[in-house]
Amino acid sequence: MELDLKRLHQVMTIVRTGSISRAADELHMTQPALSRSISALEEKYNVRIFDRGRGGASLTASGKLIVAEAEPLLRQARSVEHNFRL
């Protein structure tokens, strides 16, 4: 199994900003590119992470579970990366 930490980081950025457009700006991506990236992640695992609408992106029930698991995983990945740099 190959988990894509980059895409999980994208998910977390959308959650934090509340918007795919704002997340795309922060990630230095276009909004369509970020949307395609998240759609590919959703398709890969056959799960919908976000409900998308004019008011932004909100987590689905499945998305909430994914975020709860992704937060500590990404924190640990940052720690490993930091240790590699030392």
PDB file of N, CA and C in Angstrom:
ATOM      1  N   MET A   1       0.851  -1.186   0.000  1.00  0.00           N
ATOM      2  CA  MET A   1       0.000   0.000   0.000  1.00  0.00           C
ATOM      3  C   MET A   1       0.887   1.235   0.000  1.00  0.00           C
ATOM      4  N   GLU A   2       0.510   2.194  -0.799  1.00  0.00           N
ATOM      5  CA  GLU A   2       1.264   3.434  -0.897  1.00  0.00           C
ATOM      6  C   GLU A   2       0.338   4.601  -0.588  1.00  0.00           C
ATOM      7  N   LEU A   3       0.533   5.190   0.575  1.00  0.00           N
ATOM      8  CA  LEU A   3      -0.285   6.312   0.997  1.00  0.00           C
ATOM      9  C   LEU A   3       0.393   7.603   0.560  1.00  0.00           C
ATOM     10  N   ASP A   4      -0.349   8.496  -0.027  1.00  0.00           N
ATOM     11  CA  ASP A   4       0.193   9.732  -0.576  1.00  0.00           C
ATOM     12  C   ASP A   4       0.081  10.850   0.472  1.00  0.00           C
ATOM     13  N   LEU A   5       1.192  11.117   1.156  1.00  0.00           N
ATOM     14  CA  LEU A   5       1.206  12.140   2.197  1.00  0.00           C
ATOM     15  C   LEU A   5       0.961  13.532   1.628  1.00  0.00           C
ATOM     16  N   LYS A   6       1.404  13.751   0.400  1.00  0.00           N
ATOM     17  CA  LYS A   6       1.195  15.050  -0.242  1.00  0.00           C
ATOM     18  C   LYS A   6      -0.299  15.335  -0.370  1.00  0.00           C
ATOM     19  N   ARG A   7      -1.047  14.358  -0.799  1.00  0.00           N
ATOM     20  CA  ARG A   7      -2.495  14.557  -0.947  1.00  0.00           C
ATOM     21  C   ARG A   7      -3.176  14.686   0.408  1.00  0.00           C
ATOM     22  N   LEU A   8      -2.686  13.968   1.403  1.00  0.00           N
ATOM     23  CA  LEU A   8      -3.254  14.150   2.741  1.00  0.00           C
ATOM     24  C   LEU A   8      -2.995  15.566   3.244  1.00  0.00           C
ATOM     25  N   HIS A   9      -1.816  16.090   2.951  1.00  0.00           N
ATOM     26  CA  HIS A   9      -1.509  17.474   3.313  1.00  0.00           C
ATOM     27  C   HIS A   9      -2.460  18.430   2.591  1.00  0.00           C
ATOM     28  N   GLN A  10      -2.768  18.141   1.345  1.00  0.00           N
ATOM     29  CA  GLN A  10      -3.717  18.963   0.601  1.00  0.00           C
ATOM     30  C   GLN A  10      -5.089  18.934   1.268  1.00  0.00           C
ATOM     31  N   VAL A  11      -5.525  17.753   1.670  1.00  0.00           N
ATOM     32  CA  VAL A  11      -6.809  17.620   2.362  1.00  0.00           C
ATOM     33  C   VAL A  11      -6.813  18.478   3.621  1.00  0.00           C
ATOM     34  N   MET A  12      -5.747  18.382   4.405  1.00  0.00           N
ATOM     35  CA  MET A  12      -5.677  19.127   5.654  1.00  0.00           C
ATOM     36  C   MET A  12      -5.656  20.638   5.399  1.00  0.00           C
ATOM     37  N   THR A  13      -5.043  21.061   4.322  1.00  0.00           N
ATOM     38  CA  THR A  13      -5.012  22.485   3.988  1.00  0.00           C
ATOM     39  C   THR A  13      -6.406  22.972   3.609  1.00  0.00           C
ATOM     40  N   ILE A  14      -7.150  22.162   2.880  1.00  0.00           N
ATOM     41  CA  ILE A  14      -8.532  22.511   2.545  1.00  0.00           C
ATOM     42  C   ILE A  14      -9.360  22.608   3.826  1.00  0.00           C
ATOM     43  N   VAL A  15      -9.182  21.663   4.718  1.00  0.00           N
ATOM     44  CA  VAL A  15      -9.927  21.679   5.980  1.00  0.00           C
ATOM     45  C   VAL A  15      -9.608  22.959   6.757  1.00  0.00           C
ATOM     46  N   ARG A  16      -8.326  23.282   6.851  1.00  0.00           N
ATOM     47  CA  ARG A  16      -7.905  24.449   7.637  1.00  0.00           C
ATOM     48  C   ARG A  16      -8.411  25.757   7.034  1.00  0.00           C
ATOM     49  N   THR A  17      -8.354  25.861   5.709  1.00  0.00           N
ATOM     50  CA  THR A  17      -8.767  27.107   5.056  1.00  0.00           C
ATOM     51  C   THR A  17     -10.270  27.160   4.788  1.00  0.00           C
ATOM     52  N   GLY A  18     -10.915  25.985   4.739  1.00  0.00           N
ATOM     53  CA  GLY A  18     -12.347  25.925   4.479  1.00  0.00           C
ATOM     54  C   GLY A  18     -12.728  26.119   3.035  1.00  0.00           C
ATOM     55  N   SER A  19     -11.718  26.141   2.162  1.00  0.00           N
ATOM     56  CA  SER A  19     -11.993  26.429   0.757  1.00  0.00           C
ATOM     57  C   SER A  19     -10.922  25.804  -0.125  1.00  0.00           C
ATOM     58  N   ILE A  20     -11.355  25.205  -1.213  1.00  0.00           N
ATOM     59  CA  ILE A  20     -10.403  24.645  -2.166  1.00  0.00           C
ATOM     60  C   ILE A  20      -9.608  25.775  -2.828  1.00  0.00           C
ATOM     61  N   SER A  21     -10.257  26.874  -3.130  1.00  0.00           N
ATOM     62  CA  SER A  21      -9.556  28.012  -3.763  1.00  0.00           C
ATOM     63  C   SER A  21      -8.477  28.582  -2.846  1.00  0.00           C
ATOM     64  N   ARG A  22      -8.828  28.825  -1.581  1.00  0.00           N
ATOM     65  CA  ARG A  22      -7.836  29.371  -0.641  1.00  0.00           C
ATOM     66  C   ARG A  22      -6.714  28.376  -0.404  1.00  0.00           C
ATOM     67  N   ALA A  23      -7.058  27.089  -0.314  1.00  0.00           N
ATOM     68  CA  ALA A  23      -6.025  26.061  -0.126  1.00  0.00           C
ATOM     69  C   ALA A  23      -5.098  26.011  -1.330  1.00  0.00           C
ATOM     70  N   ALA A  24      -5.667  26.105  -2.516  1.00  0.00           N
ATOM     71  CA  ALA A  24      -4.858  26.085  -3.737  1.00  0.00           C
ATOM     72  C   ALA A  24      -3.873  27.248  -3.735  1.00  0.00           C
ATOM     73  N   ASP A  25      -4.339  28.433  -3.360  1.00  0.00           N
ATOM     74  CA  ASP A  25      -3.439  29.595  -3.282  1.00  0.00           C
ATOM     75  C   ASP A  25      -2.298  29.321  -2.314  1.00  0.00           C
ATOM     76  N   GLU A  26      -2.630  28.797  -1.152  1.00  0.00           N
ATOM     77  CA  GLU A  26      -1.618  28.517  -0.138  1.00  0.00           C
ATOM     78  C   GLU A  26      -0.629  27.444  -0.593  1.00  0.00           C
ATOM     79  N   LEU A  27      -1.122  26.476  -1.344  1.00  0.00           N
ATOM     80  CA  LEU A  27      -0.283  25.375  -1.812  1.00  0.00           C
ATOM     81  C   LEU A  27       0.427  25.708  -3.131  1.00  0.00           C
ATOM     82  N   HIS A  28       0.207  26.929  -3.637  1.00  0.00           N
ATOM     83  CA  HIS A  28       0.807  27.373  -4.903  1.00  0.00           C
ATOM     84  C   HIS A  28       0.397  26.463  -6.054  1.00  0.00           C
ATOM     85  N   MET A  29      -0.913  26.197  -6.101  1.00  0.00           N
ATOM     86  CA  MET A  29      -1.510  25.378  -7.153  1.00  0.00           C
ATOM     87  C   MET A  29      -2.696  26.149  -7.714  1.00  0.00           C
ATOM     88  N   THR A  30      -3.164  25.710  -8.854  1.00  0.00           N
ATOM     89  CA  THR A  30      -4.429  26.257  -9.331  1.00  0.00           C
ATOM     90  C   THR A  30      -5.562  25.495  -8.652  1.00  0.00           C
ATOM     91  N   GLN A  31      -6.714  26.138  -8.589  1.00  0.00           N
ATOM     92  CA  GLN A  31      -7.870  25.480  -7.975  1.00  0.00           C
ATOM     93  C   GLN A  31      -8.265  24.216  -8.751  1.00  0.00           C
ATOM     94  N   PRO A  32      -8.284  24.250 -10.093  1.00  0.00           N
ATOM     95  CA  PRO A  32      -8.627  23.020 -10.817  1.00  0.00           C
ATOM     96  C   PRO A  32      -7.631  21.880 -10.560  1.00  0.00           C
ATOM     97  N   ALA A  33      -6.340  22.206 -10.451  1.00  0.00           N
ATOM     98  CA  ALA A  33      -5.339  21.160 -10.192  1.00  0.00           C
ATOM     99  C   ALA A  33      -5.554  20.535  -8.820  1.00  0.00           C
ATOM    100  N   LEU A  34      -5.857  21.360  -7.811  1.00  0.00           N
ATOM    101  CA  LEU A  34      -6.109  20.822  -6.475  1.00  0.00           C
ATOM    102  C   LEU A  34      -7.387  19.994  -6.468  1.00  0.00           C
ATOM    103  N   SER A  35      -8.406  20.468  -7.129  1.00  0.00           N
ATOM    104  CA  SER A  35      -9.657  19.700  -7.217  1.00  0.00           C
ATOM    105  C   SER A  35      -9.431  18.344  -7.872  1.00  0.00           C
ATOM    106  N   ARG A  36      -8.641  18.320  -8.950  1.00  0.00           N
ATOM    107  CA  ARG A  36      -8.341  17.040  -9.621  1.00  0.00           C
ATOM    108  C   ARG A  36      -7.554  16.117  -8.692  1.00  0.00           C
ATOM    109  N   SER A  37      -6.618  16.677  -7.942  1.00  0.00           N
ATOM    110  CA  SER A  37      -5.809  15.873  -7.035  1.00  0.00           C
ATOM    111  C   SER A  37      -6.679  15.216  -5.962  1.00  0.00           C
ATOM    112  N   ILE A  38      -7.591  15.991  -5.395  1.00  0.00           N
ATOM    113  CA  ILE A  38      -8.475  15.449  -4.357  1.00  0.00           C
ATOM    114  C   ILE A  38      -9.450  14.454  -4.965  1.00  0.00           C
ATOM    115  N   SER A  39      -9.950  14.747  -6.146  1.00  0.00           N
ATOM    116  CA  SER A  39     -10.849  13.799  -6.828  1.00  0.00           C
ATOM    117  C   SER A  39     -10.148  12.476  -7.097  1.00  0.00           C
ATOM    118  N   ALA A  40      -8.875  12.533  -7.485  1.00  0.00           N
ATOM    119  CA  ALA A  40      -8.111  11.301  -7.734  1.00  0.00           C
ATOM    120  C   ALA A  40      -7.954  10.501  -6.441  1.00  0.00           C
ATOM    121  N   LEU A  41      -7.716  11.197  -5.331  1.00  0.00           N
ATOM    122  CA  LEU A  41      -7.612  10.512  -4.036  1.00  0.00           C
ATOM    123  C   LEU A  41      -8.938   9.855  -3.674  1.00  0.00           C
ATOM    124  N   GLU A  42     -10.029  10.592  -3.867  1.00  0.00           N
ATOM    125  CA  GLU A  42     -11.351  10.045  -3.571  1.00  0.00           C
ATOM    126  C   GLU A  42     -11.654   8.830  -4.452  1.00  0.00           C
ATOM    127  N   GLU A  43     -11.288   8.919  -5.713  1.00  0.00           N
ATOM    128  CA  GLU A  43     -11.529   7.797  -6.627  1.00  0.00           C
ATOM    129  C   GLU A  43     -10.681   6.586  -6.268  1.00  0.00           C
ATOM    130  N   LYS A  44      -9.432   6.826  -5.902  1.00  0.00           N
ATOM    131  CA  LYS A  44      -8.529   5.726  -5.564  1.00  0.00           C
ATOM    132  C   LYS A  44      -9.092   4.876  -4.428  1.00  0.00           C
ATOM    133  N   TYR A  45      -9.673   5.549  -3.428  1.00  0.00           N
ATOM    134  CA  TYR A  45     -10.182   4.836  -2.252  1.00  0.00           C
ATOM    135  C   TYR A  45     -11.703   4.707  -2.245  1.00  0.00           C
ATOM    136  N   ASN A  46     -12.327   5.174  -3.330  1.00  0.00           N
ATOM    137  CA  ASN A  46     -13.778   5.078  -3.462  1.00  0.00           C
ATOM    138  C   ASN A  46     -14.498   5.677  -2.242  1.00  0.00           C
ATOM    139  N   VAL A  47     -14.090   6.893  -1.895  1.00  0.00           N
ATOM    140  CA  VAL A  47     -14.689   7.587  -0.762  1.00  0.00           C
ATOM    141  C   VAL A  47     -14.797   9.073  -1.097  1.00  0.00           C
ATOM    142  N   ARG A  48     -15.838   9.687  -0.641  1.00  0.00           N
ATOM    143  CA  ARG A  48     -15.984  11.133  -0.817  1.00  0.00           C
ATOM    144  C   ARG A  48     -15.526  11.816   0.463  1.00  0.00           C
ATOM    145  N   ILE A  49     -14.554  12.689   0.361  1.00  0.00           N
ATOM    146  CA  ILE A  49     -13.983  13.358   1.524  1.00  0.00           C
ATOM    147  C   ILE A  49     -14.704  14.677   1.784  1.00  0.00           C
ATOM    148  N   PHE A  50     -15.026  15.394   0.717  1.00  0.00           N
ATOM    149  CA  PHE A  50     -15.638  16.709   0.835  1.00  0.00           C
ATOM    150  C   PHE A  50     -16.968  16.791   0.113  1.00  0.00           C
ATOM    151  N   ASP A  51     -17.863  17.575   0.701  1.00  0.00           N
ATOM    152  CA  ASP A  51     -19.030  18.073  -0.014  1.00  0.00           C
ATOM    153  C   ASP A  51     -18.613  19.446  -0.502  1.00  0.00           C
ATOM    154  N   ARG A  52     -18.696  19.661  -1.794  1.00  0.00           N
ATOM    155  CA  ARG A  52     -18.257  20.926  -2.384  1.00  0.00           C
ATOM    156  C   ARG A  52     -19.472  21.755  -2.759  1.00  0.00           C
ATOM    157  N   GLY A  53     -19.368  23.035  -2.447  1.00  0.00           N
ATOM    158  CA  GLY A  53     -20.465  23.927  -2.785  1.00  0.00           C
ATOM    159  C   GLY A  53     -20.007  25.368  -2.809  1.00  0.00           C
ATOM    160  N   ARG A  54     -20.949  26.259  -3.051  1.00  0.00           N
ATOM    161  CA  ARG A  54     -20.619  27.685  -3.116  1.00  0.00           C
ATOM    162  C   ARG A  54     -20.045  28.183  -1.792  1.00  0.00           C
ATOM    163  N   GLY A  55     -20.440  27.581  -0.708  1.00  0.00           N
ATOM    164  CA  GLY A  55     -19.972  28.008   0.608  1.00  0.00           C
ATOM    165  C   GLY A  55     -18.617  27.438   0.980  1.00  0.00           C
ATOM    166  N   GLY A  56     -17.993  26.716   0.080  1.00  0.00           N
ATOM    167  CA  GLY A  56     -16.690  26.118   0.361  1.00  0.00           C
ATOM    168  C   GLY A  56     -16.771  24.606   0.364  1.00  0.00           C
ATOM    169  N   ALA A  57     -15.824  24.012   1.026  1.00  0.00           N
ATOM    170  CA  ALA A  57     -15.756  22.555   1.095  1.00  0.00           C
ATOM    171  C   ALA A  57     -15.959  22.135   2.540  1.00  0.00           C
ATOM    172  N   SER A  58     -16.882  21.230   2.765  1.00  0.00           N
ATOM    173  CA  SER A  58     -17.108  20.717   4.115  1.00  0.00           C
ATOM    174  C   SER A  58     -16.877  19.215   4.112  1.00  0.00           C
ATOM    175  N   LEU A  59     -16.389  18.726   5.210  1.00  0.00           N
ATOM    176  CA  LEU A  59     -16.076  17.305   5.327  1.00  0.00           C
ATOM    177  C   LEU A  59     -17.336  16.454   5.371  1.00  0.00           C
ATOM    178  N   THR A  60     -17.275  15.328   4.711  1.00  0.00           N
ATOM    179  CA  THR A  60     -18.315  14.310   4.845  1.00  0.00           C
ATOM    180  C   THR A  60     -18.011  13.542   6.129  1.00  0.00           C
ATOM    181  N   ALA A  61     -18.883  12.634   6.503  1.00  0.00           N
ATOM    182  CA  ALA A  61     -18.632  11.805   7.677  1.00  0.00           C
ATOM    183  C   ALA A  61     -17.349  10.990   7.481  1.00  0.00           C
ATOM    184  N   SER A  62     -17.170  10.438   6.294  1.00  0.00           N
ATOM    185  CA  SER A  62     -15.942   9.692   5.993  1.00  0.00           C
ATOM    186  C   SER A  62     -14.732  10.614   6.040  1.00  0.00           C
ATOM    187  N   GLY A  63     -14.889  11.828   5.523  1.00  0.00           N
ATOM    188  CA  GLY A  63     -13.812  12.797   5.543  1.00  0.00           C
ATOM    189  C   GLY A  63     -13.358  13.126   6.954  1.00  0.00           C
ATOM    190  N   LYS A  64     -14.298  13.219   7.877  1.00  0.00           N
ATOM    191  CA  LYS A  64     -13.957  13.491   9.287  1.00  0.00           C
ATOM    192  C   LYS A  64     -13.098  12.378   9.861  1.00  0.00           C
ATOM    193  N   LEU A  65     -13.420  11.146   9.525  1.00  0.00           N
ATOM    194  CA  LEU A  65     -12.617  10.009   9.999  1.00  0.00           C
ATOM    195  C   LEU A  65     -11.218  10.048   9.400  1.00  0.00           C
ATOM    196  N   ILE A  66     -11.139  10.363   8.122  1.00  0.00           N
ATOM    197  CA  ILE A  66      -9.838  10.433   7.444  1.00  0.00           C
ATOM    198  C   ILE A  66      -8.980  11.517   8.067  1.00  0.00           C
ATOM    199  N   VAL A  67      -9.560  12.689   8.307  1.00  0.00           N
ATOM    200  CA  VAL A  67      -8.810  13.801   8.906  1.00  0.00           C
ATOM    201  C   VAL A  67      -8.323  13.437  10.303  1.00  0.00           C
ATOM    202  N   ALA A  68      -9.162  12.782  11.078  1.00  0.00           N
ATOM    203  CA  ALA A  68      -8.765  12.388  12.431  1.00  0.00           C
ATOM    204  C   ALA A  68      -7.548  11.468  12.408  1.00  0.00           C
ATOM    205  N   GLU A  69      -7.472  10.611  11.416  1.00  0.00           N
ATOM    206  CA  GLU A  69      -6.328   9.705  11.296  1.00  0.00           C
ATOM    207  C   GLU A  69      -5.132  10.385  10.639  1.00  0.00           C
ATOM    208  N   ALA A  70      -5.397  11.310   9.738  1.00  0.00           N
ATOM    209  CA  ALA A  70      -4.315  11.962   8.990  1.00  0.00           C
ATOM    210  C   ALA A  70      -3.520  12.938   9.851  1.00  0.00           C
ATOM    211  N   GLU A  71      -4.172  13.619  10.776  1.00  0.00           N
ATOM    212  CA  GLU A  71      -3.472  14.629  11.581  1.00  0.00           C
ATOM    213  C   GLU A  71      -2.249  14.066  12.296  1.00  0.00           C
ATOM    214  N   PRO A  72      -2.395  13.008  13.085  1.00  0.00           N
ATOM    215  CA  PRO A  72      -1.192  12.480  13.763  1.00  0.00           C
ATOM    216  C   PRO A  72      -0.191  11.876  12.783  1.00  0.00           C
ATOM    217  N   LEU A  73      -0.664  11.305  11.698  1.00  0.00           N
ATOM    218  CA  LEU A  73       0.229  10.733  10.697  1.00  0.00           C
ATOM    219  C   LEU A  73       1.103  11.815  10.067  1.00  0.00           C
ATOM    220  N   LEU A  74       0.504  12.928   9.688  1.00  0.00           N
ATOM    221  CA  LEU A  74       1.270  14.018   9.088  1.00  0.00           C
ATOM    222  C   LEU A  74       2.208  14.672  10.104  1.00  0.00           C
ATOM    223  N   ARG A  75       1.770  14.759  11.349  1.00  0.00           N
ATOM    224  CA  ARG A  75       2.636  15.286  12.402  1.00  0.00           C
ATOM    225  C   ARG A  75       3.879  14.409  12.548  1.00  0.00           C
ATOM    226  N   GLN A  76       3.676  13.104  12.542  1.00  0.00           N
ATOM    227  CA  GLN A  76       4.794  12.161  12.649  1.00  0.00           C
ATOM    228  C   GLN A  76       5.701  12.250  11.422  1.00  0.00           C
ATOM    229  N   ALA A  77       5.120  12.399  10.246  1.00  0.00           N
ATOM    230  CA  ALA A  77       5.915  12.526   9.011  1.00  0.00           C
ATOM    231  C   ALA A  77       6.786  13.784   9.070  1.00  0.00           C
ATOM    232  N   ARG A  78       6.236  14.888   9.598  1.00  0.00           N
ATOM    233  CA  ARG A  78       7.034  16.114   9.747  1.00  0.00           C
ATOM    234  C   ARG A  78       8.190  15.892  10.710  1.00  0.00           C
ATOM    235  N   SER A  79       7.941  15.135  11.772  1.00  0.00           N
ATOM    236  CA  SER A  79       8.991  14.836  12.746  1.00  0.00           C
ATOM    237  C   SER A  79      10.093  13.990  12.117  1.00  0.00           C
ATOM    238  N   VAL A  80       9.723  12.992  11.351  1.00  0.00           N
ATOM    239  CA  VAL A  80      10.721  12.149  10.667  1.00  0.00           C
ATOM    240  C   VAL A  80      11.522  12.990   9.690  1.00  0.00           C
ATOM    241  N   GLU A  81      10.853  13.838   8.933  1.00  0.00           N
ATOM    242  CA  GLU A  81      11.554  14.691   7.975  1.00  0.00           C
ATOM    243  C   GLU A  81      12.527  15.626   8.707  1.00  0.00           C
ATOM    244  N   HIS A  82      12.081  16.183   9.816  1.00  0.00           N
ATOM    245  CA  HIS A  82      12.948  17.055  10.614  1.00  0.00           C
ATOM    246  C   HIS A  82      14.194  16.292  11.101  1.00  0.00           C
ATOM    247  N   ASN A  83      13.995  15.071  11.561  1.00  0.00           N
ATOM    248  CA  ASN A  83      15.115  14.267  12.049  1.00  0.00           C
ATOM    249  C   ASN A  83      16.087  13.908  10.932  1.00  0.00           C
ATOM    250  N   PHE A  84      15.578  13.688   9.739  1.00  0.00           N
ATOM    251  CA  PHE A  84      16.455  13.436   8.607  1.00  0.00           C
ATOM    252  C   PHE A  84      17.363  14.638   8.341  1.00  0.00           C
ATOM    253  N   ARG A  85      16.804  15.819   8.527  1.00  0.00           N
ATOM    254  CA  ARG A  85      17.565  17.047   8.250  1.00  0.00           C
ATOM    255  C   ARG A  85      18.617  17.340   9.303  1.00  0.00           C
ATOM    256  N   LEU A  86      18.470  16.778  10.483  1.00  0.00           N
ATOM    257  CA  LEU A  86      19.440  17.037  11.560  1.00  0.00           C
ATOM    258  C   LEU A  86      20.723  16.358  11.310  1.00  0.00           C
TER     259      LEU A  86
END
